[in-house]
Amino acid sequence: MILWHNPRCSKSREALALLQARGVTVTERRYLEDAPTLAELREAQARLGLTAIKMMRVKEPAFKARGLSRDSDEAMLLAAMAEEPKLIERPLAFAEKGAVIGRPPERVLDIL
């Protein structure tokens, strides 16, 4: 399983701990340091089956500072996440069975 992880986030740490407790081999991607490309974000969006806005942290100051809104178009939102990865909701988990946003953290167990 691949986990787009922010170790400073309690929900992200909880998701990682849940997976590790079940013996899941997790590849951590610290997406703030290793930002996903626009193409990777599009792929993540397709796997998640969500609109871009559902993948975003809309309460981040950068969301408003960039002039984004819930009505912004998909391309603009995806580009913003590629340029400023702190806008990406966390954690995101990817496995053969599917992909989920780990909110609440227990959702990562759904794709085991």
PDB file of N, CA and C in Angstrom:
ATOM      1  N   MET A   1       0.844  -1.175   0.000  1.00  0.00           N
ATOM      2  CA  MET A   1       0.000   0.000   0.000  1.00  0.00           C
ATOM      3  C   MET A   1       0.890   1.238   0.000  1.00  0.00           C
ATOM      4  N   ILE A   2       0.433   2.245  -0.709  1.00  0.00           N
ATOM      5  CA  ILE A   2       1.123   3.541  -0.729  1.00  0.00           C
ATOM      6  C   ILE A   2       0.271   4.514   0.069  1.00  0.00           C
ATOM      7  N   LEU A   3       0.900   5.233   0.965  1.00  0.00           N
ATOM      8  CA  LEU A   3       0.198   6.211   1.787  1.00  0.00           C
ATOM      9  C   LEU A   3       0.836   7.574   1.580  1.00  0.00           C
ATOM     10  N   TRP A   4       0.040   8.503   1.018  1.00  0.00           N
ATOM     11  CA  TRP A   4       0.501   9.893   0.940  1.00  0.00           C
ATOM     12  C   TRP A   4       0.328  10.424   2.351  1.00  0.00           C
ATOM     13  N   HIS A   5       1.447  10.673   3.007  1.00  0.00           N
ATOM     14  CA  HIS A   5       1.497  10.843   4.450  1.00  0.00           C
ATOM     15  C   HIS A   5       2.143  12.164   4.848  1.00  0.00           C
ATOM     16  N   ASN A   6       1.582  12.758   5.893  1.00  0.00           N
ATOM     17  CA  ASN A   6       2.185  13.924   6.532  1.00  0.00           C
ATOM     18  C   ASN A   6       2.379  13.544   7.996  1.00  0.00           C
ATOM     19  N   PRO A   7       3.617  13.293   8.418  1.00  0.00           N
ATOM     20  CA  PRO A   7       3.851  12.839   9.788  1.00  0.00           C
ATOM     21  C   PRO A   7       3.454  13.852  10.856  1.00  0.00           C
ATOM     22  N   ARG A   8       3.208  15.087  10.476  1.00  0.00           N
ATOM     23  CA  ARG A   8       2.787  16.103  11.455  1.00  0.00           C
ATOM     24  C   ARG A   8       1.278  16.067  11.684  1.00  0.00           C
ATOM     25  N   CYS A   9       0.566  15.297  10.878  1.00  0.00           N
ATOM     26  CA  CYS A   9      -0.899  15.227  10.960  1.00  0.00           C
ATOM     27  C   CYS A   9      -1.317  14.021  11.799  1.00  0.00           C
ATOM     28  N   SER A  10      -2.118  14.242  12.828  1.00  0.00           N
ATOM     29  CA  SER A  10      -2.533  13.146  13.705  1.00  0.00           C
ATOM     30  C   SER A  10      -3.358  12.110  12.954  1.00  0.00           C
ATOM     31  N   LYS A  11      -4.219  12.512  12.049  1.00  0.00           N
ATOM     32  CA  LYS A  11      -5.040  11.552  11.287  1.00  0.00           C
ATOM     33  C   LYS A  11      -4.160  10.700  10.384  1.00  0.00           C
ATOM     34  N   SER A  12      -3.157  11.294   9.812  1.00  0.00           N
ATOM     35  CA  SER A  12      -2.236  10.567   8.952  1.00  0.00           C
ATOM     36  C   SER A  12      -1.429   9.564   9.779  1.00  0.00           C
ATOM     37  N   ARG A  13      -0.973   9.987  10.943  1.00  0.00           N
ATOM     38  CA  ARG A  13      -0.235   9.075  11.828  1.00  0.00           C
ATOM     39  C   ARG A  13      -1.124   7.925  12.295  1.00  0.00           C
ATOM     40  N   GLU A  14      -2.394   8.225  12.594  1.00  0.00           N
ATOM     41  CA  GLU A  14      -3.326   7.181  13.017  1.00  0.00           C
ATOM     42  C   GLU A  14      -3.548   6.161  11.904  1.00  0.00           C
ATOM     43  N   ALA A  15      -3.719   6.624  10.689  1.00  0.00           N
ATOM     44  CA  ALA A  15      -3.924   5.715   9.558  1.00  0.00           C
ATOM     45  C   ALA A  15      -2.706   4.813   9.377  1.00  0.00           C
ATOM     46  N   LEU A  16      -1.521   5.386   9.441  1.00  0.00           N
ATOM     47  CA  LEU A  16      -0.294   4.607   9.306  1.00  0.00           C
ATOM     48  C   LEU A  16      -0.202   3.554  10.413  1.00  0.00           C
ATOM     49  N   ALA A  17      -0.506   3.940  11.637  1.00  0.00           N
ATOM     50  CA  ALA A  17      -0.439   3.007  12.771  1.00  0.00           C
ATOM     51  C   ALA A  17      -1.446   1.869  12.605  1.00  0.00           C
ATOM     52  N   LEU A  18      -2.645   2.173  12.132  1.00  0.00           N
ATOM     53  CA  LEU A  18      -3.652   1.131  11.894  1.00  0.00           C
ATOM     54  C   LEU A  18      -3.155   0.107  10.889  1.00  0.00           C
ATOM     55  N   LEU A  19      -2.556   0.582   9.821  1.00  0.00           N
ATOM     56  CA  LEU A  19      -2.041  -0.309   8.785  1.00  0.00           C
ATOM     57  C   LEU A  19      -0.883  -1.153   9.310  1.00  0.00           C
ATOM     58  N   GLN A  20       0.036  -0.505   9.990  1.00  0.00           N
ATOM     59  CA  GLN A  20       1.194  -1.229  10.525  1.00  0.00           C
ATOM     60  C   GLN A  20       0.776  -2.269  11.558  1.00  0.00           C
ATOM     61  N   ALA A  21      -0.242  -1.952  12.367  1.00  0.00           N
ATOM     62  CA  ALA A  21      -0.724  -2.897  13.376  1.00  0.00           C
ATOM     63  C   ALA A  21      -1.305  -4.155  12.741  1.00  0.00           C
ATOM     64  N   ARG A  22      -1.743  -4.024  11.506  1.00  0.00           N
ATOM     65  CA  ARG A  22      -2.293  -5.174  10.784  1.00  0.00           C
ATOM     66  C   ARG A  22      -1.257  -5.850   9.888  1.00  0.00           C
ATOM     67  N   GLY A  23      -0.005  -5.425  10.026  1.00  0.00           N
ATOM     68  CA  GLY A  23       1.069  -6.050   9.275  1.00  0.00           C
ATOM     69  C   GLY A  23       1.137  -5.668   7.811  1.00  0.00           C
ATOM     70  N   VAL A  24       0.478  -4.577   7.453  1.00  0.00           N
ATOM     71  CA  VAL A  24       0.478  -4.114   6.064  1.00  0.00           C
ATOM     72  C   VAL A  24       1.820  -3.454   5.753  1.00  0.00           C
ATOM     73  N   THR A  25       2.393  -3.813   4.625  1.00  0.00           N
ATOM     74  CA  THR A  25       3.606  -3.151   4.170  1.00  0.00           C
ATOM     75  C   THR A  25       3.195  -1.827   3.547  1.00  0.00           C
ATOM     76  N   VAL A  26       3.658  -0.741   4.140  1.00  0.00           N
ATOM     77  CA  VAL A  26       3.273   0.596   3.701  1.00  0.00           C
ATOM     78  C   VAL A  26       4.482   1.314   3.128  1.00  0.00           C
ATOM     79  N   THR A  27       4.298   1.854   1.940  1.00  0.00           N
ATOM     80  CA  THR A  27       5.292   2.748   1.358  1.00  0.00           C
ATOM     81  C   THR A  27       4.794   4.160   1.616  1.00  0.00           C
ATOM     82  N   GLU A  28       5.516   4.873   2.456  1.00  0.00           N
ATOM     83  CA  GLU A  28       5.125   6.248   2.774  1.00  0.00           C
ATOM     84  C   GLU A  28       5.615   7.195   1.692  1.00  0.00           C
ATOM     85  N   ARG A  29       4.730   8.048   1.263  1.00  0.00           N
ATOM     86  CA  ARG A  29       5.133   9.140   0.382  1.00  0.00           C
ATOM     87  C   ARG A  29       4.840  10.425   1.141  1.00  0.00           C
ATOM     88  N   ARG A  30       5.872  11.065   1.562  1.00  0.00           N
ATOM     89  CA  ARG A  30       5.709  12.338   2.273  1.00  0.00           C
ATOM     90  C   ARG A  30       5.481  13.411   1.220  1.00  0.00           C
ATOM     91  N   TYR A  31       4.217  13.556   0.900  1.00  0.00           N
ATOM     92  CA  TYR A  31       3.836  14.348  -0.269  1.00  0.00           C
ATOM     93  C   TYR A  31       4.162  15.840  -0.146  1.00  0.00           C
ATOM     94  N   LEU A  32       4.420  16.325   1.052  1.00  0.00           N
ATOM     95  CA  LEU A  32       4.827  17.730   1.177  1.00  0.00           C
ATOM     96  C   LEU A  32       6.267  17.914   0.715  1.00  0.00           C
ATOM     97  N   GLU A  33       7.079  16.859   0.871  1.00  0.00           N
ATOM     98  CA  GLU A  33       8.477  16.897   0.440  1.00  0.00           C
ATOM     99  C   GLU A  33       8.636  16.356  -0.976  1.00  0.00           C
ATOM    100  N   ASP A  34       7.808  15.398  -1.339  1.00  0.00           N
ATOM    101  CA  ASP A  34       7.839  14.750  -2.646  1.00  0.00           C
ATOM    102  C   ASP A  34       6.475  14.979  -3.298  1.00  0.00           C
ATOM    103  N   ALA A  35       6.266  16.204  -3.743  1.00  0.00           N
ATOM    104  CA  ALA A  35       4.950  16.614  -4.247  1.00  0.00           C
ATOM    105  C   ALA A  35       4.538  15.828  -5.490  1.00  0.00           C
ATOM    106  N   PRO A  36       3.278  15.393  -5.517  1.00  0.00           N
ATOM    107  CA  PRO A  36       2.796  14.708  -6.709  1.00  0.00           C
ATOM    108  C   PRO A  36       2.683  15.671  -7.892  1.00  0.00           C
ATOM    109  N   THR A  37       2.914  15.136  -9.060  1.00  0.00           N
ATOM    110  CA  THR A  37       2.770  15.929 -10.283  1.00  0.00           C
ATOM    111  C   THR A  37       1.289  16.074 -10.604  1.00  0.00           C
ATOM    112  N   LEU A  38       1.008  16.928 -11.545  1.00  0.00           N
ATOM    113  CA  LEU A  38      -0.366  17.101 -11.996  1.00  0.00           C
ATOM    114  C   LEU A  38      -0.904  15.776 -12.536  1.00  0.00           C
ATOM    115  N   ALA A  39      -0.085  15.057 -13.285  1.00  0.00           N
ATOM    116  CA  ALA A  39      -0.515  13.758 -13.823  1.00  0.00           C
ATOM    117  C   ALA A  39      -0.818  12.775 -12.688  1.00  0.00           C
ATOM    118  N   GLU A  40       0.004  12.759 -11.651  1.00  0.00           N
ATOM    119  CA  GLU A  40      -0.236  11.866 -10.518  1.00  0.00           C
ATOM    120  C   GLU A  40      -1.513  12.256  -9.781  1.00  0.00           C
ATOM    121  N   LEU A  41      -1.777  13.546  -9.674  1.00  0.00           N
ATOM    122  CA  LEU A  41      -3.007  13.996  -9.025  1.00  0.00           C
ATOM    123  C   LEU A  41      -4.231  13.593  -9.844  1.00  0.00           C
ATOM    124  N   ARG A  42      -4.127  13.677 -11.161  1.00  0.00           N
ATOM    125  CA  ARG A  42      -5.242  13.238 -12.011  1.00  0.00           C
ATOM    126  C   ARG A  42      -5.480  11.736 -11.846  1.00  0.00           C
ATOM    127  N   GLU A  43      -4.396  10.972 -11.772  1.00  0.00           N
ATOM    128  CA  GLU A  43      -4.520   9.529 -11.574  1.00  0.00           C
ATOM    129  C   GLU A  43      -5.138   9.240 -10.205  1.00  0.00           C
ATOM    130  N   ALA A  44      -4.684   9.944  -9.176  1.00  0.00           N
ATOM    131  CA  ALA A  44      -5.247   9.767  -7.833  1.00  0.00           C
ATOM    132  C   ALA A  44      -6.736  10.100  -7.837  1.00  0.00           C
ATOM    133  N   GLN A  45      -7.094  11.161  -8.500  1.00  0.00           N
ATOM    134  CA  GLN A  45      -8.496  11.569  -8.582  1.00  0.00           C
ATOM    135  C   GLN A  45      -9.339  10.472  -9.240  1.00  0.00           C
ATOM    136  N   ALA A  46      -8.833   9.913 -10.320  1.00  0.00           N
ATOM    137  CA  ALA A  46      -9.553   8.848 -11.018  1.00  0.00           C
ATOM    138  C   ALA A  46      -9.712   7.625 -10.116  1.00  0.00           C
ATOM    139  N   ARG A  47      -8.654   7.262  -9.417  1.00  0.00           N
ATOM    140  CA  ARG A  47      -8.711   6.083  -8.529  1.00  0.00           C
ATOM    141  C   ARG A  47      -9.650   6.324  -7.350  1.00  0.00           C
ATOM    142  N   LEU A  48      -9.660   7.547  -6.844  1.00  0.00           N
ATOM    143  CA  LEU A  48     -10.537   7.876  -5.723  1.00  0.00           C
ATOM    144  C   LEU A  48     -11.990   8.008  -6.158  1.00  0.00           C
ATOM    145  N   GLY A  49     -12.190   8.398  -7.425  1.00  0.00           N
ATOM    146  CA  GLY A  49     -13.546   8.622  -7.922  1.00  0.00           C
ATOM    147  C   GLY A  49     -14.191   9.858  -7.317  1.00  0.00           C
ATOM    148  N   LEU A  50     -13.373  10.878  -7.069  1.00  0.00           N
ATOM    149  CA  LEU A  50     -13.854  12.101  -6.423  1.00  0.00           C
ATOM    150  C   LEU A  50     -13.603  13.320  -7.298  1.00  0.00           C
ATOM    151  N   THR A  51     -14.353  14.364  -7.044  1.00  0.00           N
ATOM    152  CA  THR A  51     -14.052  15.645  -7.664  1.00  0.00           C
ATOM    153  C   THR A  51     -12.816  16.206  -6.971  1.00  0.00           C
ATOM    154  N   ALA A  52     -12.151  17.117  -7.630  1.00  0.00           N
ATOM    155  CA  ALA A  52     -10.926  17.709  -7.070  1.00  0.00           C
ATOM    156  C   ALA A  52     -11.199  18.393  -5.735  1.00  0.00           C
ATOM    157  N   ILE A  53     -12.319  19.062  -5.626  1.00  0.00           N
ATOM    158  CA  ILE A  53     -12.608  19.795  -4.384  1.00  0.00           C
ATOM    159  C   ILE A  53     -12.700  18.839  -3.188  1.00  0.00           C
ATOM    160  N   LYS A  54     -13.143  17.615  -3.411  1.00  0.00           N
ATOM    161  CA  LYS A  54     -13.256  16.631  -2.323  1.00  0.00           C
ATOM    162  C   LYS A  54     -11.890  16.115  -1.897  1.00  0.00           C
ATOM    163  N   MET A  55     -10.865  16.386  -2.697  1.00  0.00           N
ATOM    164  CA  MET A  55      -9.490  15.968  -2.376  1.00  0.00           C
ATOM    165  C   MET A  55      -8.711  17.083  -1.682  1.00  0.00           C
ATOM    166  N   MET A  56      -9.369  18.211  -1.418  1.00  0.00           N
ATOM    167  CA  MET A  56      -8.652  19.400  -0.962  1.00  0.00           C
ATOM    168  C   MET A  56      -8.965  19.776   0.474  1.00  0.00           C
ATOM    169  N   ARG A  57      -7.990  20.424   1.064  1.00  0.00           N
ATOM    170  CA  ARG A  57      -8.133  21.013   2.391  1.00  0.00           C
ATOM    171  C   ARG A  57      -8.585  22.463   2.181  1.00  0.00           C
ATOM    172  N   VAL A  58      -9.896  22.652   2.131  1.00  0.00           N
ATOM    173  CA  VAL A  58     -10.442  23.969   1.794  1.00  0.00           C
ATOM    174  C   VAL A  58     -10.270  24.988   2.913  1.00  0.00           C
ATOM    175  N   LYS A  59      -9.935  24.535   4.111  1.00  0.00           N
ATOM    176  CA  LYS A  59      -9.735  25.469   5.222  1.00  0.00           C
ATOM    177  C   LYS A  59      -8.289  25.943   5.336  1.00  0.00           C
ATOM    178  N   GLU A  60      -7.420  25.398   4.491  1.00  0.00           N
ATOM    179  CA  GLU A  60      -6.025  25.876   4.454  1.00  0.00           C
ATOM    180  C   GLU A  60      -6.027  27.341   4.000  1.00  0.00           C
ATOM    181  N   PRO A  61      -5.258  28.204   4.667  1.00  0.00           N
ATOM    182  CA  PRO A  61      -5.191  29.603   4.240  1.00  0.00           C
ATOM    183  C   PRO A  61      -4.811  29.754   2.755  1.00  0.00           C
ATOM    184  N   ALA A  62      -4.000  28.856   2.254  1.00  0.00           N
ATOM    185  CA  ALA A  62      -3.573  28.930   0.847  1.00  0.00           C
ATOM    186  C   ALA A  62      -4.746  28.770  -0.110  1.00  0.00           C
ATOM    187  N   PHE A  63      -5.785  28.067   0.305  1.00  0.00           N
ATOM    188  CA  PHE A  63      -6.960  27.888  -0.559  1.00  0.00           C
ATOM    189  C   PHE A  63      -7.587  29.245  -0.868  1.00  0.00           C
ATOM    190  N   LYS A  64      -7.833  29.999   0.173  1.00  0.00           N
ATOM    191  CA  LYS A  64      -8.435  31.334  -0.001  1.00  0.00           C
ATOM    192  C   LYS A  64      -7.440  32.302  -0.645  1.00  0.00           C
ATOM    193  N   ALA A  65      -6.179  32.218  -0.216  1.00  0.00           N
ATOM    194  CA  ALA A  65      -5.155  33.126  -0.737  1.00  0.00           C
ATOM    195  C   ALA A  65      -4.995  32.992  -2.249  1.00  0.00           C
ATOM    196  N   ARG A  66      -5.238  31.792  -2.773  1.00  0.00           N
ATOM    197  CA  ARG A  66      -5.129  31.564  -4.218  1.00  0.00           C
ATOM    198  C   ARG A  66      -6.404  31.969  -4.966  1.00  0.00           C
ATOM    199  N   GLY A  67      -7.397  32.439  -4.229  1.00  0.00           N
ATOM    200  CA  GLY A  67      -8.644  32.838  -4.860  1.00  0.00           C
ATOM    201  C   GLY A  67      -9.496  31.648  -5.289  1.00  0.00           C
ATOM    202  N   LEU A  68      -9.274  30.498  -4.651  1.00  0.00           N
ATOM    203  CA  LEU A  68     -10.029  29.303  -4.999  1.00  0.00           C
ATOM    204  C   LEU A  68     -11.366  29.288  -4.260  1.00  0.00           C
ATOM    205  N   SER A  69     -12.319  28.584  -4.835  1.00  0.00           N
ATOM    206  CA  SER A  69     -13.615  28.392  -4.192  1.00  0.00           C
ATOM    207  C   SER A  69     -14.115  27.001  -4.536  1.00  0.00           C
ATOM    208  N   ARG A  70     -15.182  26.609  -3.904  1.00  0.00           N
ATOM    209  CA  ARG A  70     -15.784  25.303  -4.188  1.00  0.00           C
ATOM    210  C   ARG A  70     -16.298  25.235  -5.624  1.00  0.00           C
ATOM    211  N   ASP A  71     -16.440  26.377  -6.259  1.00  0.00           N
ATOM    212  CA  ASP A  71     -16.927  26.439  -7.637  1.00  0.00           C
ATOM    213  C   ASP A  71     -15.799  26.539  -8.662  1.00  0.00           C
ATOM    214  N   SER A  72     -14.557  26.579  -8.205  1.00  0.00           N
ATOM    215  CA  SER A  72     -13.428  26.645  -9.143  1.00  0.00           C
ATOM    216  C   SER A  72     -13.425  25.387 -10.008  1.00  0.00           C
ATOM    217  N   ASP A  73     -12.942  25.532 -11.233  1.00  0.00           N
ATOM    218  CA  ASP A  73     -12.970  24.361 -12.119  1.00  0.00           C
ATOM    219  C   ASP A  73     -11.908  23.343 -11.731  1.00  0.00           C
ATOM    220  N   GLU A  74     -12.127  22.112 -12.182  1.00  0.00           N
ATOM    221  CA  GLU A  74     -11.273  20.980 -11.831  1.00  0.00           C
ATOM    222  C   GLU A  74      -9.804  21.244 -12.171  1.00  0.00           C
ATOM    223  N   ALA A  75      -9.552  21.768 -13.348  1.00  0.00           N
ATOM    224  CA  ALA A  75      -8.171  22.000 -13.779  1.00  0.00           C
ATOM    225  C   ALA A  75      -7.470  22.979 -12.842  1.00  0.00           C
ATOM    226  N   MET A  76      -8.161  24.013 -12.433  1.00  0.00           N
ATOM    227  CA  MET A  76      -7.573  25.009 -11.536  1.00  0.00           C
ATOM    228  C   MET A  76      -7.268  24.389 -10.167  1.00  0.00           C
ATOM    229  N   LEU A  77      -8.194  23.588  -9.665  1.00  0.00           N
ATOM    230  CA  LEU A  77      -8.006  22.973  -8.358  1.00  0.00           C
ATOM    231  C   LEU A  77      -6.855  21.965  -8.377  1.00  0.00           C
ATOM    232  N   LEU A  78      -6.797  21.142  -9.411  1.00  0.00           N
ATOM    233  CA  LEU A  78      -5.712  20.170  -9.523  1.00  0.00           C
ATOM    234  C   LEU A  78      -4.368  20.871  -9.663  1.00  0.00           C
ATOM    235  N   ALA A  79      -4.312  21.924 -10.458  1.00  0.00           N
ATOM    236  CA  ALA A  79      -3.072  22.678 -10.621  1.00  0.00           C
ATOM    237  C   ALA A  79      -2.636  23.288  -9.291  1.00  0.00           C
ATOM    238  N   ALA A  80      -3.586  23.790  -8.519  1.00  0.00           N
ATOM    239  CA  ALA A  80      -3.262  24.384  -7.220  1.00  0.00           C
ATOM    240  C   ALA A  80      -2.656  23.332  -6.291  1.00  0.00           C
ATOM    241  N   MET A  81      -3.211  22.120  -6.291  1.00  0.00           N
ATOM    242  CA  MET A  81      -2.658  21.058  -5.440  1.00  0.00           C
ATOM    243  C   MET A  81      -1.255  20.662  -5.890  1.00  0.00           C
ATOM    244  N   ALA A  82      -1.027  20.663  -7.198  1.00  0.00           N
ATOM    245  CA  ALA A  82       0.306  20.315  -7.713  1.00  0.00           C
ATOM    246  C   ALA A  82       1.331  21.375  -7.309  1.00  0.00           C
ATOM    247  N   GLU A  83       0.911  22.628  -7.308  1.00  0.00           N
ATOM    248  CA  GLU A  83       1.812  23.722  -6.972  1.00  0.00           C
ATOM    249  C   GLU A  83       1.981  23.882  -5.461  1.00  0.00           C
ATOM    250  N   GLU A  84       0.945  23.544  -4.718  1.00  0.00           N
ATOM    251  CA  GLU A  84       0.966  23.733  -3.265  1.00  0.00           C
ATOM    252  C   GLU A  84       0.373  22.491  -2.597  1.00  0.00           C
ATOM    253  N   PRO A  85       1.197  21.453  -2.417  1.00  0.00           N
ATOM    254  CA  PRO A  85       0.676  20.167  -1.940  1.00  0.00           C
ATOM    255  C   PRO A  85       0.022  20.197  -0.563  1.00  0.00           C
ATOM    256  N   LYS A  86       0.238  21.244   0.218  1.00  0.00           N
ATOM    257  CA  LYS A  86      -0.444  21.289   1.514  1.00  0.00           C
ATOM    258  C   LYS A  86      -1.958  21.418   1.349  1.00  0.00           C
ATOM    259  N   LEU A  87      -2.400  21.697   0.119  1.00  0.00           N
ATOM    260  CA  LEU A  87      -3.833  21.754  -0.157  1.00  0.00           C
ATOM    261  C   LEU A  87      -4.461  20.371  -0.324  1.00  0.00           C
ATOM    262  N   ILE A  88      -3.629  19.330  -0.426  1.00  0.00           N
ATOM    263  CA  ILE A  88      -4.135  17.978  -0.614  1.00  0.00           C
ATOM    264  C   ILE A  88      -4.610  17.426   0.725  1.00  0.00           C
ATOM    265  N   GLU A  89      -5.837  16.894   0.734  1.00  0.00           N
ATOM    266  CA  GLU A  89      -6.348  16.250   1.944  1.00  0.00           C
ATOM    267  C   GLU A  89      -5.489  15.046   2.269  1.00  0.00           C
ATOM    268  N   ARG A  90      -5.358  14.747   3.534  1.00  0.00           N
ATOM    269  CA  ARG A  90      -4.497  13.655   3.943  1.00  0.00           C
ATOM    270  C   ARG A  90      -5.182  12.795   4.988  1.00  0.00           C
ATOM    271  N   PRO A  91      -4.720  11.581   5.099  1.00  0.00           N
ATOM    272  CA  PRO A  91      -3.831  10.842   4.210  1.00  0.00           C
ATOM    273  C   PRO A  91      -4.610  10.256   3.035  1.00  0.00           C
ATOM    274  N   LEU A  92      -3.923   9.975   1.961  1.00  0.00           N
ATOM    275  CA  LEU A  92      -4.498   9.249   0.833  1.00  0.00           C
ATOM    276  C   LEU A  92      -3.825   7.885   0.781  1.00  0.00           C
ATOM    277  N   ALA A  93      -4.629   6.838   0.662  1.00  0.00           N
ATOM    278  CA  ALA A  93      -4.111   5.476   0.633  1.00  0.00           C
ATOM    279  C   ALA A  93      -4.472   4.830  -0.698  1.00  0.00           C
ATOM    280  N   PHE A  94      -3.495   4.136  -1.286  1.00  0.00           N
ATOM    281  CA  PHE A  94      -3.672   3.477  -2.577  1.00  0.00           C
ATOM    282  C   PHE A  94      -3.239   2.021  -2.445  1.00  0.00           C
ATOM    283  N   ALA A  95      -4.113   1.118  -2.852  1.00  0.00           N
ATOM    284  CA  ALA A  95      -3.818  -0.315  -2.840  1.00  0.00           C
ATOM    285  C   ALA A  95      -4.420  -0.924  -4.097  1.00  0.00           C
ATOM    286  N   GLU A  96      -4.123  -2.196  -4.332  1.00  0.00           N
ATOM    287  CA  GLU A  96      -4.682  -2.869  -5.503  1.00  0.00           C
ATOM    288  C   GLU A  96      -6.201  -2.826  -5.485  1.00  0.00           C
ATOM    289  N   LYS A  97      -6.780  -2.937  -4.307  1.00  0.00           N
ATOM    290  CA  LYS A  97      -8.237  -2.999  -4.161  1.00  0.00           C
ATOM    291  C   LYS A  97      -8.915  -1.643  -4.384  1.00  0.00           C
ATOM    292  N   GLY A  98      -8.180  -0.544  -4.279  1.00  0.00           N
ATOM    293  CA  GLY A  98      -8.789   0.765  -4.452  1.00  0.00           C
ATOM    294  C   GLY A  98      -7.971   1.867  -3.818  1.00  0.00           C
ATOM    295  N   ALA A  99      -8.636   2.995  -3.627  1.00  0.00           N
ATOM    296  CA  ALA A  99      -7.992   4.166  -3.036  1.00  0.00           C
ATOM    297  C   ALA A  99      -9.013   4.889  -2.160  1.00  0.00           C
ATOM    298  N   VAL A 100      -8.532   5.485  -1.082  1.00  0.00           N
ATOM    299  CA  VAL A 100      -9.412   6.232  -0.177  1.00  0.00           C
ATOM    300  C   VAL A 100      -8.650   7.400   0.441  1.00  0.00           C
ATOM    301  N   ILE A 101      -9.418   8.366   0.881  1.00  0.00           N
ATOM    302  CA  ILE A 101      -8.893   9.404   1.768  1.00  0.00           C
ATOM    303  C   ILE A 101      -9.153   8.897   3.178  1.00  0.00           C
ATOM    304  N   GLY A 102      -8.134   8.872   3.995  1.00  0.00           N
ATOM    305  CA  GLY A 102      -8.233   8.321   5.346  1.00  0.00           C
ATOM    306  C   GLY A 102      -8.843   9.272   6.346  1.00  0.00           C
ATOM    307  N   ARG A 103     -10.042   9.699   6.082  1.00  0.00           N
ATOM    308  CA  ARG A 103     -10.819  10.546   6.993  1.00  0.00           C
ATOM    309  C   ARG A 103     -12.172   9.900   7.179  1.00  0.00           C
ATOM    310  N   PRO A 104     -12.447   9.272   8.281  1.00  0.00           N
ATOM    311  CA  PRO A 104     -11.562   9.038   9.415  1.00  0.00           C
ATOM    312  C   PRO A 104     -10.464   8.024   9.059  1.00  0.00           C
ATOM    313  N   PRO A 105      -9.439   7.930   9.880  1.00  0.00           N
ATOM    314  CA  PRO A 105      -8.313   7.070   9.573  1.00  0.00           C
ATOM    315  C   PRO A 105      -8.693   5.619   9.276  1.00  0.00           C
ATOM    316  N   GLU A 106      -9.745   5.123   9.910  1.00  0.00           N
ATOM    317  CA  GLU A 106     -10.170   3.731   9.715  1.00  0.00           C
ATOM    318  C   GLU A 106     -10.578   3.412   8.277  1.00  0.00           C
ATOM    319  N   ARG A 107     -10.837   4.430   7.489  1.00  0.00           N
ATOM    320  CA  ARG A 107     -11.222   4.200   6.092  1.00  0.00           C
ATOM    321  C   ARG A 107     -10.118   3.499   5.310  1.00  0.00           C
ATOM    322  N   VAL A 108      -8.865   3.657   5.729  1.00  0.00           N
ATOM    323  CA  VAL A 108      -7.776   2.984   5.008  1.00  0.00           C
ATOM    324  C   VAL A 108      -7.915   1.474   5.077  1.00  0.00           C
ATOM    325  N   LEU A 109      -8.617   0.975   6.068  1.00  0.00           N
ATOM    326  CA  LEU A 109      -8.816  -0.470   6.219  1.00  0.00           C
ATOM    327  C   LEU A 109      -9.776  -1.021   5.166  1.00  0.00           C
ATOM    328  N   ASP A 110     -10.588  -0.140   4.580  1.00  0.00           N
ATOM    329  CA  ASP A 110     -11.566  -0.557   3.569  1.00  0.00           C
ATOM    330  C   ASP A 110     -10.924  -1.106   2.309  1.00  0.00           C
ATOM    331  N   ILE A 111      -9.672  -0.773   2.066  1.00  0.00           N
ATOM    332  CA  ILE A 111      -9.044  -1.218   0.807  1.00  0.00           C
ATOM    333  C   ILE A 111      -7.995  -2.312   1.034  1.00  0.00           C
ATOM    334  N   LEU A 112      -8.030  -2.928   2.198  1.00  0.00           N
ATOM    335  CA  LEU A 112      -7.115  -4.046   2.461  1.00  0.00           C
ATOM    336  C   LEU A 112      -7.597  -5.293   1.744  1.00  0.00           C
TER     337      LEU A 112
END
